[in-house]
Amino acid sequence: MSNVEKIEREVLALSSVELDAFRKWFIEFEAEVWDRQIEEAIQAGKLDALADQGVQSFHSGTCSPL
């Protein structure tokens, strides 16, 4: 049995209160992982081309207001 299968089994056994607490924890965990990934991408320059494109669109007046 894989770790994922073990976790699935454990999650299915949680009470509604425990499941709610797990959901809240997982949402925070997932947000932290996302933040780290974005920060690593920024540091590696992977978003530079998109940023440059946005700045060019702004200066040329071709971007849309938010």
PDB file of N, CA and C in Angstrom:
ATOM      1  N   MET A   1       0.845  -1.172   0.000  1.00  0.00           N
ATOM      2  CA  MET A   1       0.000   0.000   0.000  1.00  0.00           C
ATOM      3  C   MET A   1       0.896   1.243   0.000  1.00  0.00           C
ATOM      4  N   SER A   2       0.569   2.207  -0.857  1.00  0.00           N
ATOM      5  CA  SER A   2       1.359   3.427  -0.959  1.00  0.00           C
ATOM      6  C   SER A   2       1.033   4.384   0.191  1.00  0.00           C
ATOM      7  N   ASN A   3       1.887   5.350   0.377  1.00  0.00           N
ATOM      8  CA  ASN A   3       1.636   6.365   1.406  1.00  0.00           C
ATOM      9  C   ASN A   3       0.337   7.115   1.137  1.00  0.00           C
ATOM     10  N   VAL A   4       0.067   7.406  -0.130  1.00  0.00           N
ATOM     11  CA  VAL A   4      -1.164   8.111  -0.486  1.00  0.00           C
ATOM     12  C   VAL A   4      -2.377   7.275  -0.097  1.00  0.00           C
ATOM     13  N   GLU A   5      -2.324   6.002  -0.360  1.00  0.00           N
ATOM     14  CA  GLU A   5      -3.443   5.127   0.006  1.00  0.00           C
ATOM     15  C   GLU A   5      -3.628   5.089   1.523  1.00  0.00           C
ATOM     16  N   LYS A   6      -2.532   5.074   2.263  1.00  0.00           N
ATOM     17  CA  LYS A   6      -2.622   5.103   3.730  1.00  0.00           C
ATOM     18  C   LYS A   6      -3.254   6.404   4.208  1.00  0.00           C
ATOM     19  N   ILE A   7      -2.837   7.509   3.613  1.00  0.00           N
ATOM     20  CA  ILE A   7      -3.391   8.813   3.996  1.00  0.00           C
ATOM     21  C   ILE A   7      -4.873   8.868   3.652  1.00  0.00           C
ATOM     22  N   GLU A   8      -5.235   8.381   2.473  1.00  0.00           N
ATOM     23  CA  GLU A   8      -6.651   8.359   2.087  1.00  0.00           C
ATOM     24  C   GLU A   8      -7.475   7.582   3.111  1.00  0.00           C
ATOM     25  N   ARG A   9      -6.970   6.436   3.518  1.00  0.00           N
ATOM     26  CA  ARG A   9      -7.668   5.601   4.496  1.00  0.00           C
ATOM     27  C   ARG A   9      -7.831   6.360   5.822  1.00  0.00           C
ATOM     28  N   GLU A  10      -6.768   7.032   6.244  1.00  0.00           N
ATOM     29  CA  GLU A  10      -6.817   7.794   7.494  1.00  0.00           C
ATOM     30  C   GLU A  10      -7.802   8.966   7.398  1.00  0.00           C
ATOM     31  N   VAL A  11      -7.801   9.656   6.265  1.00  0.00           N
ATOM     32  CA  VAL A  11      -8.714  10.790   6.089  1.00  0.00           C
ATOM     33  C   VAL A  11     -10.160  10.308   6.126  1.00  0.00           C
ATOM     34  N   LEU A  12     -10.421   9.182   5.501  1.00  0.00           N
ATOM     35  CA  LEU A  12     -11.783   8.638   5.512  1.00  0.00           C
ATOM     36  C   LEU A  12     -12.251   8.292   6.927  1.00  0.00           C
ATOM     37  N   ALA A  13     -11.322   8.021   7.813  1.00  0.00           N
ATOM     38  CA  ALA A  13     -11.674   7.635   9.182  1.00  0.00           C
ATOM     39  C   ALA A  13     -11.832   8.838  10.123  1.00  0.00           C
ATOM     40  N   LEU A  14     -11.544  10.045   9.646  1.00  0.00           N
ATOM     41  CA  LEU A  14     -11.632  11.225  10.502  1.00  0.00           C
ATOM     42  C   LEU A  14     -13.082  11.567  10.826  1.00  0.00           C
ATOM     43  N   SER A  15     -13.274  12.087  12.018  1.00  0.00           N
ATOM     44  CA  SER A  15     -14.600  12.612  12.376  1.00  0.00           C
ATOM     45  C   SER A  15     -14.805  13.929  11.637  1.00  0.00           C
ATOM     46  N   SER A  16     -16.009  14.460  11.653  1.00  0.00           N
ATOM     47  CA  SER A  16     -16.270  15.720  10.947  1.00  0.00           C
ATOM     48  C   SER A  16     -15.450  16.867  11.542  1.00  0.00           C
ATOM     49  N   VAL A  17     -15.251  16.867  12.842  1.00  0.00           N
ATOM     50  CA  VAL A  17     -14.439  17.904  13.491  1.00  0.00           C
ATOM     51  C   VAL A  17     -12.977  17.757  13.080  1.00  0.00           C
ATOM     52  N   GLU A  18     -12.486  16.538  13.077  1.00  0.00           N
ATOM     53  CA  GLU A  18     -11.102  16.286  12.672  1.00  0.00           C
ATOM     54  C   GLU A  18     -10.892  16.621  11.197  1.00  0.00           C
ATOM     55  N   LEU A  19     -11.888  16.282  10.368  1.00  0.00           N
ATOM     56  CA  LEU A  19     -11.793  16.566   8.945  1.00  0.00           C
ATOM     57  C   LEU A  19     -11.744  18.073   8.699  1.00  0.00           C
ATOM     58  N   ASP A  20     -12.535  18.828   9.432  1.00  0.00           N
ATOM     59  CA  ASP A  20     -12.519  20.279   9.318  1.00  0.00           C
ATOM     60  C   ASP A  20     -11.149  20.834   9.701  1.00  0.00           C
ATOM     61  N   ALA A  21     -10.577  20.339  10.785  1.00  0.00           N
ATOM     62  CA  ALA A  21      -9.250  20.780  11.214  1.00  0.00           C
ATOM     63  C   ALA A  21      -8.209  20.405  10.169  1.00  0.00           C
ATOM     64  N   PHE A  22      -8.315  19.228   9.598  1.00  0.00           N
ATOM     65  CA  PHE A  22      -7.379  18.789   8.559  1.00  0.00           C
ATOM     66  C   PHE A  22      -7.487  19.676   7.326  1.00  0.00           C
ATOM     67  N   ARG A  23      -8.713  19.988   6.914  1.00  0.00           N
ATOM     68  CA  ARG A  23      -8.913  20.858   5.752  1.00  0.00           C
ATOM     69  C   ARG A  23      -8.241  22.206   5.965  1.00  0.00           C
ATOM     70  N   LYS A  24      -8.462  22.786   7.134  1.00  0.00           N
ATOM     71  CA  LYS A  24      -7.848  24.087   7.433  1.00  0.00           C
ATOM     72  C   LYS A  24      -6.329  23.983   7.388  1.00  0.00           C
ATOM     73  N   TRP A  25      -5.773  22.931   7.980  1.00  0.00           N
ATOM     74  CA  TRP A  25      -4.326  22.744   7.958  1.00  0.00           C
ATOM     75  C   TRP A  25      -3.830  22.587   6.526  1.00  0.00           C
ATOM     76  N   PHE A  26      -4.530  21.776   5.734  1.00  0.00           N
ATOM     77  CA  PHE A  26      -4.068  21.497   4.383  1.00  0.00           C
ATOM     78  C   PHE A  26      -4.123  22.741   3.503  1.00  0.00           C
ATOM     79  N   ILE A  27      -5.137  23.557   3.661  1.00  0.00           N
ATOM     80  CA  ILE A  27      -5.234  24.801   2.897  1.00  0.00           C
ATOM     81  C   ILE A  27      -4.035  25.692   3.202  1.00  0.00           C
ATOM     82  N   GLU A  28      -3.682  25.822   4.470  1.00  0.00           N
ATOM     83  CA  GLU A  28      -2.516  26.621   4.857  1.00  0.00           C
ATOM     84  C   GLU A  28      -1.225  25.996   4.322  1.00  0.00           C
ATOM     85  N   PHE A  29      -1.113  24.687   4.416  1.00  0.00           N
ATOM     86  CA  PHE A  29       0.052  23.973   3.910  1.00  0.00           C
ATOM     87  C   PHE A  29       0.217  24.204   2.414  1.00  0.00           C
ATOM     88  N   GLU A  30      -0.869  24.050   1.683  1.00  0.00           N
ATOM     89  CA  GLU A  30      -0.831  24.205   0.232  1.00  0.00           C
ATOM     90  C   GLU A  30      -0.460  25.639  -0.161  1.00  0.00           C
ATOM     91  N   ALA A  31      -0.966  26.625   0.579  1.00  0.00           N
ATOM     92  CA  ALA A  31      -0.622  28.019   0.305  1.00  0.00           C
ATOM     93  C   ALA A  31       0.863  28.271   0.535  1.00  0.00           C
ATOM     94  N   GLU A  32       1.421  27.686   1.586  1.00  0.00           N
ATOM     95  CA  GLU A  32       2.850  27.851   1.857  1.00  0.00           C
ATOM     96  C   GLU A  32       3.702  27.208   0.762  1.00  0.00           C
ATOM     97  N   VAL A  33       3.293  26.046   0.289  1.00  0.00           N
ATOM     98  CA  VAL A  33       4.018  25.378  -0.797  1.00  0.00           C
ATOM     99  C   VAL A  33       3.970  26.249  -2.046  1.00  0.00           C
ATOM    100  N   TRP A  34       2.796  26.780  -2.357  1.00  0.00           N
ATOM    101  CA  TRP A  34       2.628  27.648  -3.524  1.00  0.00           C
ATOM    102  C   TRP A  34       3.528  28.881  -3.406  1.00  0.00           C
ATOM    103  N   ASP A  35       3.528  29.505  -2.226  1.00  0.00           N
ATOM    104  CA  ASP A  35       4.372  30.680  -2.011  1.00  0.00           C
ATOM    105  C   ASP A  35       5.845  30.361  -2.246  1.00  0.00           C
ATOM    106  N   ARG A  36       6.297  29.217  -1.745  1.00  0.00           N
ATOM    107  CA  ARG A  36       7.702  28.819  -1.946  1.00  0.00           C
ATOM    108  C   ARG A  36       7.997  28.601  -3.432  1.00  0.00           C
ATOM    109  N   GLN A  37       7.066  27.962  -4.139  1.00  0.00           N
ATOM    110  CA  GLN A  37       7.275  27.707  -5.560  1.00  0.00           C
ATOM    111  C   GLN A  37       7.360  29.014  -6.345  1.00  0.00           C
ATOM    112  N   ILE A  38       6.476  29.944  -6.038  1.00  0.00           N
ATOM    113  CA  ILE A  38       6.502  31.242  -6.722  1.00  0.00           C
ATOM    114  C   ILE A  38       7.800  31.973  -6.416  1.00  0.00           C
ATOM    115  N   GLU A  39       8.211  31.977  -5.147  1.00  0.00           N
ATOM    116  CA  GLU A  39       9.453  32.642  -4.766  1.00  0.00           C
ATOM    117  C   GLU A  39      10.652  32.026  -5.481  1.00  0.00           C
ATOM    118  N   GLU A  40      10.683  30.708  -5.575  1.00  0.00           N
ATOM    119  CA  GLU A  40      11.778  30.038  -6.284  1.00  0.00           C
ATOM    120  C   GLU A  40      11.765  30.392  -7.772  1.00  0.00           C
ATOM    121  N   ALA A  41      10.579  30.467  -8.362  1.00  0.00           N
ATOM    122  CA  ALA A  41      10.467  30.830  -9.773  1.00  0.00           C
ATOM    123  C   ALA A  41      10.939  32.265  -9.994  1.00  0.00           C
ATOM    124  N   ILE A  42      10.585  33.155  -9.081  1.00  0.00           N
ATOM    125  CA  ILE A  42      11.028  34.547  -9.187  1.00  0.00           C
ATOM    126  C   ILE A  42      12.546  34.620  -9.085  1.00  0.00           C
ATOM    127  N   GLN A  43      13.093  33.947  -8.082  1.00  0.00           N
ATOM    128  CA  GLN A  43      14.541  33.969  -7.881  1.00  0.00           C
ATOM    129  C   GLN A  43      15.290  33.387  -9.082  1.00  0.00           C
ATOM    130  N   ALA A  44      14.708  32.395  -9.732  1.00  0.00           N
ATOM    131  CA  ALA A  44      15.341  31.757 -10.881  1.00  0.00           C
ATOM    132  C   ALA A  44      15.124  32.536 -12.178  1.00  0.00           C
ATOM    133  N   GLY A  45      14.342  33.620 -12.112  1.00  0.00           N
ATOM    134  CA  GLY A  45      14.094  34.435 -13.298  1.00  0.00           C
ATOM    135  C   GLY A  45      13.053  33.864 -14.238  1.00  0.00           C
ATOM    136  N   LYS A  46      12.305  32.870 -13.786  1.00  0.00           N
ATOM    137  CA  LYS A  46      11.337  32.214 -14.667  1.00  0.00           C
ATOM    138  C   LYS A  46      10.133  33.094 -14.999  1.00  0.00           C
ATOM    139  N   LEU A  47       9.920  34.158 -14.231  1.00  0.00           N
ATOM    140  CA  LEU A  47       8.774  35.034 -14.484  1.00  0.00           C
ATOM    141  C   LEU A  47       9.190  36.355 -15.116  1.00  0.00           C
ATOM    142  N   ASP A  48      10.478  36.518 -15.380  1.00  0.00           N
ATOM    143  CA  ASP A  48      10.986  37.775 -15.929  1.00  0.00           C
ATOM    144  C   ASP A  48      10.326  38.136 -17.255  1.00  0.00           C
ATOM    145  N   ALA A  49      10.168  37.171 -18.144  1.00  0.00           N
ATOM    146  CA  ALA A  49       9.578  37.445 -19.456  1.00  0.00           C
ATOM    147  C   ALA A  49       8.130  37.916 -19.309  1.00  0.00           C
ATOM    148  N   LEU A  50       7.383  37.311 -18.404  1.00  0.00           N
ATOM    149  CA  LEU A  50       5.999  37.741 -18.182  1.00  0.00           C
ATOM    150  C   LEU A  50       5.946  39.141 -17.591  1.00  0.00           C
ATOM    151  N   ALA A  51       6.843  39.424 -16.656  1.00  0.00           N
ATOM    152  CA  ALA A  51       6.898  40.757 -16.061  1.00  0.00           C
ATOM    153  C   ALA A  51       7.250  41.794 -17.119  1.00  0.00           C
ATOM    154  N   ASP A  52       8.225  41.486 -17.958  1.00  0.00           N
ATOM    155  CA  ASP A  52       8.613  42.403 -19.030  1.00  0.00           C
ATOM    156  C   ASP A  52       7.449  42.656 -19.980  1.00  0.00           C
ATOM    157  N   GLN A  53       6.731  41.611 -20.298  1.00  0.00           N
ATOM    158  CA  GLN A  53       5.574  41.738 -21.195  1.00  0.00           C
ATOM    159  C   GLN A  53       4.511  42.641 -20.558  1.00  0.00           C
ATOM    160  N   GLY A  54       4.279  42.478 -19.269  1.00  0.00           N
ATOM    161  CA  GLY A  54       3.307  43.315 -18.580  1.00  0.00           C
ATOM    162  C   GLY A  54       3.712  44.772 -18.562  1.00  0.00           C
ATOM    163  N   VAL A  55       4.982  45.034 -18.300  1.00  0.00           N
ATOM    164  CA  VAL A  55       5.484  46.412 -18.290  1.00  0.00           C
ATOM    165  C   VAL A  55       5.365  47.024 -19.689  1.00  0.00           C
ATOM    166  N   GLN A  56       5.722  46.263 -20.710  1.00  0.00           N
ATOM    167  CA  GLN A  56       5.610  46.765 -22.086  1.00  0.00           C
ATOM    168  C   GLN A  56       4.153  47.069 -22.442  1.00  0.00           C
ATOM    169  N   SER A  57       3.247  46.183 -22.038  1.00  0.00           N
ATOM    170  CA  SER A  57       1.828  46.413 -22.317  1.00  0.00           C
ATOM    171  C   SER A  57       1.341  47.659 -21.602  1.00  0.00           C
ATOM    172  N   PHE A  58       1.788  47.861 -20.382  1.00  0.00           N
ATOM    173  CA  PHE A  58       1.385  49.051 -19.626  1.00  0.00           C
ATOM    174  C   PHE A  58       1.875  50.322 -20.325  1.00  0.00           C
ATOM    175  N   HIS A  59       3.147  50.340 -20.695  1.00  0.00           N
ATOM    176  CA  HIS A  59       3.725  51.530 -21.312  1.00  0.00           C
ATOM    177  C   HIS A  59       3.153  51.809 -22.701  1.00  0.00           C
ATOM    178  N   SER A  60       2.747  50.771 -23.397  1.00  0.00           N
ATOM    179  CA  SER A  60       2.177  50.970 -24.738  1.00  0.00           C
ATOM    180  C   SER A  60       0.677  51.245 -24.679  1.00  0.00           C
ATOM    181  N   GLY A  61       0.084  51.132 -23.500  1.00  0.00           N
ATOM    182  CA  GLY A  61      -1.334  51.393 -23.347  1.00  0.00           C
ATOM    183  C   GLY A  61      -2.230  50.264 -23.829  1.00  0.00           C
ATOM    184  N   THR A  62      -1.675  49.071 -23.980  1.00  0.00           N
ATOM    185  CA  THR A  62      -2.480  47.951 -24.484  1.00  0.00           C
ATOM    186  C   THR A  62      -3.002  47.049 -23.387  1.00  0.00           C
ATOM    187  N   CYS A  63      -2.766  47.407 -22.136  1.00  0.00           N
ATOM    188  CA  CYS A  63      -3.282  46.560 -21.051  1.00  0.00           C
ATOM    189  C   CYS A  63      -4.659  47.046 -20.639  1.00  0.00           C
ATOM    190  N   SER A  64      -5.408  46.180 -19.995  1.00  0.00           N
ATOM    191  CA  SER A  64      -6.765  46.499 -19.550  1.00  0.00           C
ATOM    192  C   SER A  64      -6.745  46.843 -18.075  1.00  0.00           C
ATOM    193  N   PRO A  65      -7.593  47.767 -17.646  1.00  0.00           N
ATOM    194  CA  PRO A  65      -7.675  48.054 -16.208  1.00  0.00           C
ATOM    195  C   PRO A  65      -8.232  46.854 -15.458  1.00  0.00           C
ATOM    196  N   LEU A  66      -7.815  46.709 -14.222  1.00  0.00           N
ATOM    197  CA  LEU A  66      -8.300  45.595 -13.413  1.00  0.00           C
ATOM    198  C   LEU A  66      -9.692  45.853 -12.905  1.00  0.00           C
TER     199      LEU A  66
END
